Amino acid sequence: MAPLDDQELNTAIQNAESLAWSVRGAAGRQLAGSDKIEDVADVIHRLLLDAQDTWVIQETAEALLERKDTIGLRHVLLAYSQAGTYDTVDHLGDAWTATPNG
């Protein structure tokens, strides 16, 4: 994924608050691929624990794991440890098993 410029980053942050699950999921994927991931960690964490739609959780988690780095893995594992519902745990786990390891 190409690095996000400041305007794209700000748009993705705003989209993470959308009422539409598809918009939040796309924002999660964009933010997960950002080279400024630590600056948006709180937004990513909120998307990983999305209370309205599990697709947002899985989409964000898959994008983080596709980074194949410790930063993405750390975000997913932190959310997994703080998940409050079975559905959240289930979809974080699904993202883990759906992401190729190689």
N, C-alpha and C. Protein backbone atom coordinates (compact mmCIF):
# COMPACT_ATOMS: atom_id res chain seq x y z
N MET A 1 0.85 -1.19 0.00
CA MET A 1 0.00 0.00 0.00
C MET A 1 0.89 1.24 0.00
N ALA A 2 0.51 2.22 -0.80
CA ALA A 2 1.27 3.47 -0.88
C ALA A 2 1.05 4.28 0.40
N PRO A 3 2.10 5.00 0.83
CA PRO A 3 1.96 5.82 2.04
C PRO A 3 0.83 6.85 1.87
N LEU A 4 0.13 7.11 2.94
CA LEU A 4 -0.94 8.10 2.92
C LEU A 4 -0.36 9.48 3.15
N ASP A 5 -0.80 10.46 2.35
CA ASP A 5 -0.40 11.83 2.66
C ASP A 5 -1.27 12.32 3.81
N ASP A 6 -0.98 13.51 4.32
CA ASP A 6 -1.69 14.01 5.51
C ASP A 6 -3.19 14.11 5.29
N GLN A 7 -3.61 14.55 4.10
CA GLN A 7 -5.04 14.68 3.83
C GLN A 7 -5.71 13.31 3.80
N GLU A 8 -5.08 12.33 3.16
CA GLU A 8 -5.64 10.98 3.11
C GLU A 8 -5.70 10.36 4.51
N LEU A 9 -4.67 10.62 5.30
CA LEU A 9 -4.65 10.13 6.67
C LEU A 9 -5.79 10.73 7.48
N ASN A 10 -5.98 12.04 7.37
CA ASN A 10 -7.07 12.71 8.08
C ASN A 10 -8.44 12.21 7.61
N THR A 11 -8.59 11.97 6.33
CA THR A 11 -9.85 11.45 5.81
C THR A 11 -10.11 10.05 6.36
N ALA A 12 -9.08 9.20 6.40
CA ALA A 12 -9.24 7.85 6.94
C ALA A 12 -9.61 7.90 8.43
N ILE A 13 -9.02 8.82 9.17
CA ILE A 13 -9.36 8.97 10.59
C ILE A 13 -10.82 9.39 10.74
N GLN A 14 -11.28 10.32 9.92
CA GLN A 14 -12.68 10.74 9.96
C GLN A 14 -13.60 9.59 9.55
N ASN A 15 -13.20 8.82 8.54
CA ASN A 15 -14.02 7.71 8.07
C ASN A 15 -14.13 6.60 9.11
N ALA A 16 -13.18 6.51 10.00
CA ALA A 16 -13.22 5.51 11.07
C ALA A 16 -14.38 5.76 12.02
N GLU A 17 -14.97 6.94 11.97
CA GLU A 17 -16.12 7.30 12.81
C GLU A 17 -17.45 7.17 12.07
N SER A 18 -17.40 6.75 10.82
CA SER A 18 -18.60 6.67 9.99
C SER A 18 -19.64 5.72 10.59
N LEU A 19 -20.89 5.99 10.28
CA LEU A 19 -21.97 5.08 10.66
C LEU A 19 -22.00 3.84 9.77
N ALA A 20 -21.40 3.95 8.60
CA ALA A 20 -21.41 2.84 7.63
C ALA A 20 -20.26 1.88 7.92
N TRP A 21 -20.58 0.61 8.13
CA TRP A 21 -19.56 -0.39 8.42
C TRP A 21 -18.53 -0.50 7.31
N SER A 22 -18.97 -0.37 6.06
CA SER A 22 -18.04 -0.51 4.93
C SER A 22 -17.01 0.62 4.92
N VAL A 23 -17.43 1.80 5.30
CA VAL A 23 -16.52 2.95 5.35
C VAL A 23 -15.52 2.77 6.49
N ARG A 24 -16.01 2.31 7.66
CA ARG A 24 -15.11 2.07 8.79
C ARG A 24 -14.10 0.97 8.46
N GLY A 25 -14.55 -0.09 7.80
CA GLY A 25 -13.65 -1.18 7.42
C GLY A 25 -12.57 -0.72 6.45
N ALA A 26 -12.97 0.08 5.46
CA ALA A 26 -11.99 0.61 4.51
C ALA A 26 -10.99 1.53 5.21
N ALA A 27 -11.49 2.31 6.16
CA ALA A 27 -10.59 3.19 6.94
C ALA A 27 -9.61 2.35 7.74
N GLY A 28 -10.08 1.26 8.34
CA GLY A 28 -9.19 0.39 9.09
C GLY A 28 -8.09 -0.18 8.23
N ARG A 29 -8.45 -0.59 7.03
CA ARG A 29 -7.45 -1.13 6.10
C ARG A 29 -6.44 -0.06 5.72
N GLN A 30 -6.91 1.15 5.44
CA GLN A 30 -5.99 2.24 5.08
C GLN A 30 -5.06 2.58 6.24
N LEU A 31 -5.63 2.73 7.42
CA LEU A 31 -4.82 3.11 8.58
C LEU A 31 -3.83 2.02 8.95
N ALA A 32 -4.23 0.77 8.81
CA ALA A 32 -3.34 -0.35 9.13
C ALA A 32 -2.12 -0.37 8.23
N GLY A 33 -2.26 0.10 7.01
CA GLY A 33 -1.15 0.13 6.07
C GLY A 33 -0.32 1.40 6.13
N SER A 34 -0.71 2.31 6.98
CA SER A 34 -0.04 3.59 7.06
C SER A 34 1.35 3.48 7.67
N ASP A 35 2.26 4.30 7.20
CA ASP A 35 3.59 4.35 7.81
C ASP A 35 3.57 5.19 9.09
N LYS A 36 2.43 5.79 9.39
CA LYS A 36 2.26 6.57 10.62
C LYS A 36 1.35 5.83 11.59
N ILE A 37 1.46 4.52 11.59
CA ILE A 37 0.55 3.67 12.36
C ILE A 37 0.56 4.00 13.85
N GLU A 38 1.69 4.34 14.39
CA GLU A 38 1.74 4.64 15.83
C GLU A 38 0.98 5.93 16.16
N ASP A 39 0.89 6.84 15.19
CA ASP A 39 0.14 8.09 15.40
C ASP A 39 -1.37 7.87 15.42
N VAL A 40 -1.82 6.78 14.84
CA VAL A 40 -3.25 6.49 14.76
C VAL A 40 -3.61 5.22 15.53
N ALA A 41 -2.76 4.82 16.44
CA ALA A 41 -2.94 3.56 17.18
C ALA A 41 -4.28 3.52 17.91
N ASP A 42 -4.70 4.63 18.50
CA ASP A 42 -5.98 4.64 19.23
C ASP A 42 -7.16 4.42 18.29
N VAL A 43 -7.09 4.96 17.10
CA VAL A 43 -8.17 4.79 16.11
C VAL A 43 -8.20 3.33 15.64
N ILE A 44 -7.04 2.78 15.35
CA ILE A 44 -6.96 1.39 14.93
C ILE A 44 -7.49 0.47 16.02
N HIS A 45 -7.11 0.74 17.25
CA HIS A 45 -7.57 -0.09 18.37
C HIS A 45 -9.10 -0.06 18.47
N ARG A 46 -9.67 1.11 18.29
CA ARG A 46 -11.14 1.24 18.34
C ARG A 46 -11.79 0.43 17.22
N LEU A 47 -11.18 0.43 16.04
CA LEU A 47 -11.73 -0.34 14.93
C LEU A 47 -11.58 -1.84 15.17
N LEU A 48 -10.52 -2.24 15.81
CA LEU A 48 -10.32 -3.66 16.12
C LEU A 48 -11.31 -4.18 17.15
N LEU A 49 -11.92 -3.27 17.88
CA LEU A 49 -12.92 -3.65 18.88
C LEU A 49 -14.30 -3.10 18.53
N ASP A 50 -14.53 -2.84 17.23
CA ASP A 50 -15.77 -2.24 16.75
C ASP A 50 -16.99 -2.97 17.29
N ALA A 51 -17.85 -2.24 17.95
CA ALA A 51 -19.02 -2.84 18.58
C ALA A 51 -20.21 -2.99 17.63
N GLN A 52 -20.18 -2.34 16.47
CA GLN A 52 -21.31 -2.38 15.56
C GLN A 52 -21.22 -3.47 14.51
N ASP A 53 -19.99 -3.82 14.06
CA ASP A 53 -19.90 -4.76 12.95
C ASP A 53 -18.58 -5.52 12.98
N THR A 54 -18.67 -6.83 12.95
CA THR A 54 -17.46 -7.65 13.03
C THR A 54 -16.62 -7.61 11.75
N TRP A 55 -17.23 -7.22 10.63
CA TRP A 55 -16.45 -7.10 9.39
C TRP A 55 -15.37 -6.04 9.55
N VAL A 56 -15.67 -4.98 10.25
CA VAL A 56 -14.70 -3.91 10.51
C VAL A 56 -13.51 -4.49 11.28
N ILE A 57 -13.80 -5.29 12.28
CA ILE A 57 -12.76 -5.93 13.09
C ILE A 57 -11.87 -6.79 12.22
N GLN A 58 -12.49 -7.67 11.46
CA GLN A 58 -11.72 -8.62 10.66
C GLN A 58 -10.93 -7.92 9.56
N GLU A 59 -11.51 -6.95 8.91
CA GLU A 59 -10.84 -6.22 7.83
C GLU A 59 -9.61 -5.48 8.36
N THR A 60 -9.76 -4.83 9.49
CA THR A 60 -8.65 -4.09 10.09
C THR A 60 -7.56 -5.05 10.55
N ALA A 61 -7.95 -6.14 11.20
CA ALA A 61 -6.98 -7.12 11.69
C ALA A 61 -6.22 -7.77 10.53
N GLU A 62 -6.92 -8.15 9.48
CA GLU A 62 -6.24 -8.76 8.33
C GLU A 62 -5.22 -7.80 7.73
N ALA A 63 -5.59 -6.54 7.60
CA ALA A 63 -4.67 -5.55 7.05
C ALA A 63 -3.44 -5.38 7.94
N LEU A 64 -3.64 -5.39 9.24
CA LEU A 64 -2.50 -5.29 10.16
C LEU A 64 -1.58 -6.49 10.04
N LEU A 65 -2.16 -7.68 9.93
CA LEU A 65 -1.34 -8.89 9.83
C LEU A 65 -0.66 -9.01 8.47
N GLU A 66 -1.25 -8.44 7.45
CA GLU A 66 -0.63 -8.45 6.12
C GLU A 66 0.64 -7.60 6.07
N ARG A 67 0.82 -6.72 7.05
CA ARG A 67 2.05 -5.94 7.15
C ARG A 67 3.25 -6.85 7.39
N LYS A 68 3.00 -8.00 8.05
CA LYS A 68 4.04 -8.97 8.39
C LYS A 68 5.15 -8.33 9.21
N ASP A 69 4.74 -7.52 10.20
CA ASP A 69 5.72 -6.93 11.10
C ASP A 69 5.21 -6.99 12.53
N THR A 70 6.07 -6.68 13.46
CA THR A 70 5.69 -6.77 14.87
C THR A 70 4.68 -5.70 15.26
N ILE A 71 4.69 -4.57 14.58
CA ILE A 71 3.73 -3.50 14.90
C ILE A 71 2.31 -3.98 14.64
N GLY A 72 2.07 -4.53 13.46
CA GLY A 72 0.73 -5.03 13.14
C GLY A 72 0.31 -6.15 14.06
N LEU A 73 1.21 -7.07 14.30
CA LEU A 73 0.92 -8.19 15.19
C LEU A 73 0.60 -7.70 16.60
N ARG A 74 1.36 -6.75 17.09
CA ARG A 74 1.14 -6.22 18.44
C ARG A 74 -0.25 -5.61 18.58
N HIS A 75 -0.70 -4.88 17.56
CA HIS A 75 -2.03 -4.27 17.60
C HIS A 75 -3.13 -5.33 17.67
N VAL A 76 -2.99 -6.38 16.87
CA VAL A 76 -4.00 -7.44 16.85
C VAL A 76 -4.01 -8.20 18.18
N LEU A 77 -2.84 -8.52 18.69
CA LEU A 77 -2.77 -9.25 19.96
C LEU A 77 -3.30 -8.43 21.13
N LEU A 78 -3.03 -7.13 21.12
CA LEU A 78 -3.57 -6.27 22.18
C LEU A 78 -5.10 -6.26 22.13
N ALA A 79 -5.66 -6.12 20.94
CA ALA A 79 -7.12 -6.13 20.81
C ALA A 79 -7.67 -7.49 21.24
N TYR A 80 -6.99 -8.56 20.85
CA TYR A 80 -7.43 -9.91 21.23
C TYR A 80 -7.48 -10.04 22.76
N SER A 81 -6.49 -9.49 23.42
CA SER A 81 -6.43 -9.59 24.89
C SER A 81 -7.50 -8.74 25.57
N GLN A 82 -8.03 -7.75 24.87
CA GLN A 82 -9.02 -6.84 25.46
C GLN A 82 -10.43 -7.04 24.90
N ALA A 83 -10.58 -8.01 24.02
CA ALA A 83 -11.90 -8.25 23.41
C ALA A 83 -12.92 -8.61 24.47
N GLY A 84 -14.06 -7.97 24.38
CA GLY A 84 -15.10 -8.17 25.39
C GLY A 84 -16.22 -9.10 24.98
N THR A 85 -16.22 -9.52 23.72
CA THR A 85 -17.28 -10.41 23.26
C THR A 85 -16.68 -11.58 22.49
N TYR A 86 -17.44 -12.67 22.47
CA TYR A 86 -17.02 -13.83 21.71
C TYR A 86 -16.87 -13.48 20.23
N ASP A 87 -17.80 -12.70 19.68
CA ASP A 87 -17.74 -12.34 18.26
C ASP A 87 -16.45 -11.61 17.93
N THR A 88 -16.02 -10.72 18.80
CA THR A 88 -14.77 -9.99 18.56
C THR A 88 -13.60 -10.97 18.55
N VAL A 89 -13.53 -11.82 19.55
CA VAL A 89 -12.45 -12.82 19.61
C VAL A 89 -12.48 -13.70 18.37
N ASP A 90 -13.66 -14.14 17.98
CA ASP A 90 -13.82 -15.01 16.83
C ASP A 90 -13.29 -14.36 15.56
N HIS A 91 -13.62 -13.11 15.33
CA HIS A 91 -13.21 -12.45 14.08
C HIS A 91 -11.74 -12.05 14.10
N LEU A 92 -11.19 -11.73 15.25
CA LEU A 92 -9.74 -11.50 15.34
C LEU A 92 -9.01 -12.82 15.04
N GLY A 93 -9.54 -13.92 15.57
CA GLY A 93 -8.95 -15.22 15.27
C GLY A 93 -9.09 -15.60 13.81
N ASP A 94 -10.22 -15.30 13.20
CA ASP A 94 -10.41 -15.57 11.79
C ASP A 94 -9.40 -14.80 10.94
N ALA A 95 -9.13 -13.56 11.33
CA ALA A 95 -8.14 -12.76 10.60
C ALA A 95 -6.76 -13.41 10.70
N TRP A 96 -6.47 -13.93 11.88
CA TRP A 96 -5.18 -14.59 12.12
C TRP A 96 -5.04 -15.80 11.20
N THR A 97 -6.06 -16.62 11.12
CA THR A 97 -5.97 -17.84 10.31
C THR A 97 -6.12 -17.57 8.82
N ALA A 98 -6.71 -16.45 8.45
CA ALA A 98 -6.90 -16.13 7.03
C ALA A 98 -5.66 -15.48 6.41
N THR A 99 -4.76 -14.98 7.24
CA THR A 99 -3.59 -14.27 6.73
C THR A 99 -2.44 -15.24 6.51
N PRO A 100 -1.95 -15.32 5.27
CA PRO A 100 -0.84 -16.24 5.00
C PRO A 100 0.40 -15.87 5.82
N ASN A 101 1.09 -16.86 6.32
CA ASN A 101 2.27 -16.61 7.15
C ASN A 101 3.53 -16.38 6.33
N GLY A 102 3.52 -16.75 5.09
CA GLY A 102 4.74 -16.67 4.28
C GLY A 102 4.74 -15.46 3.50
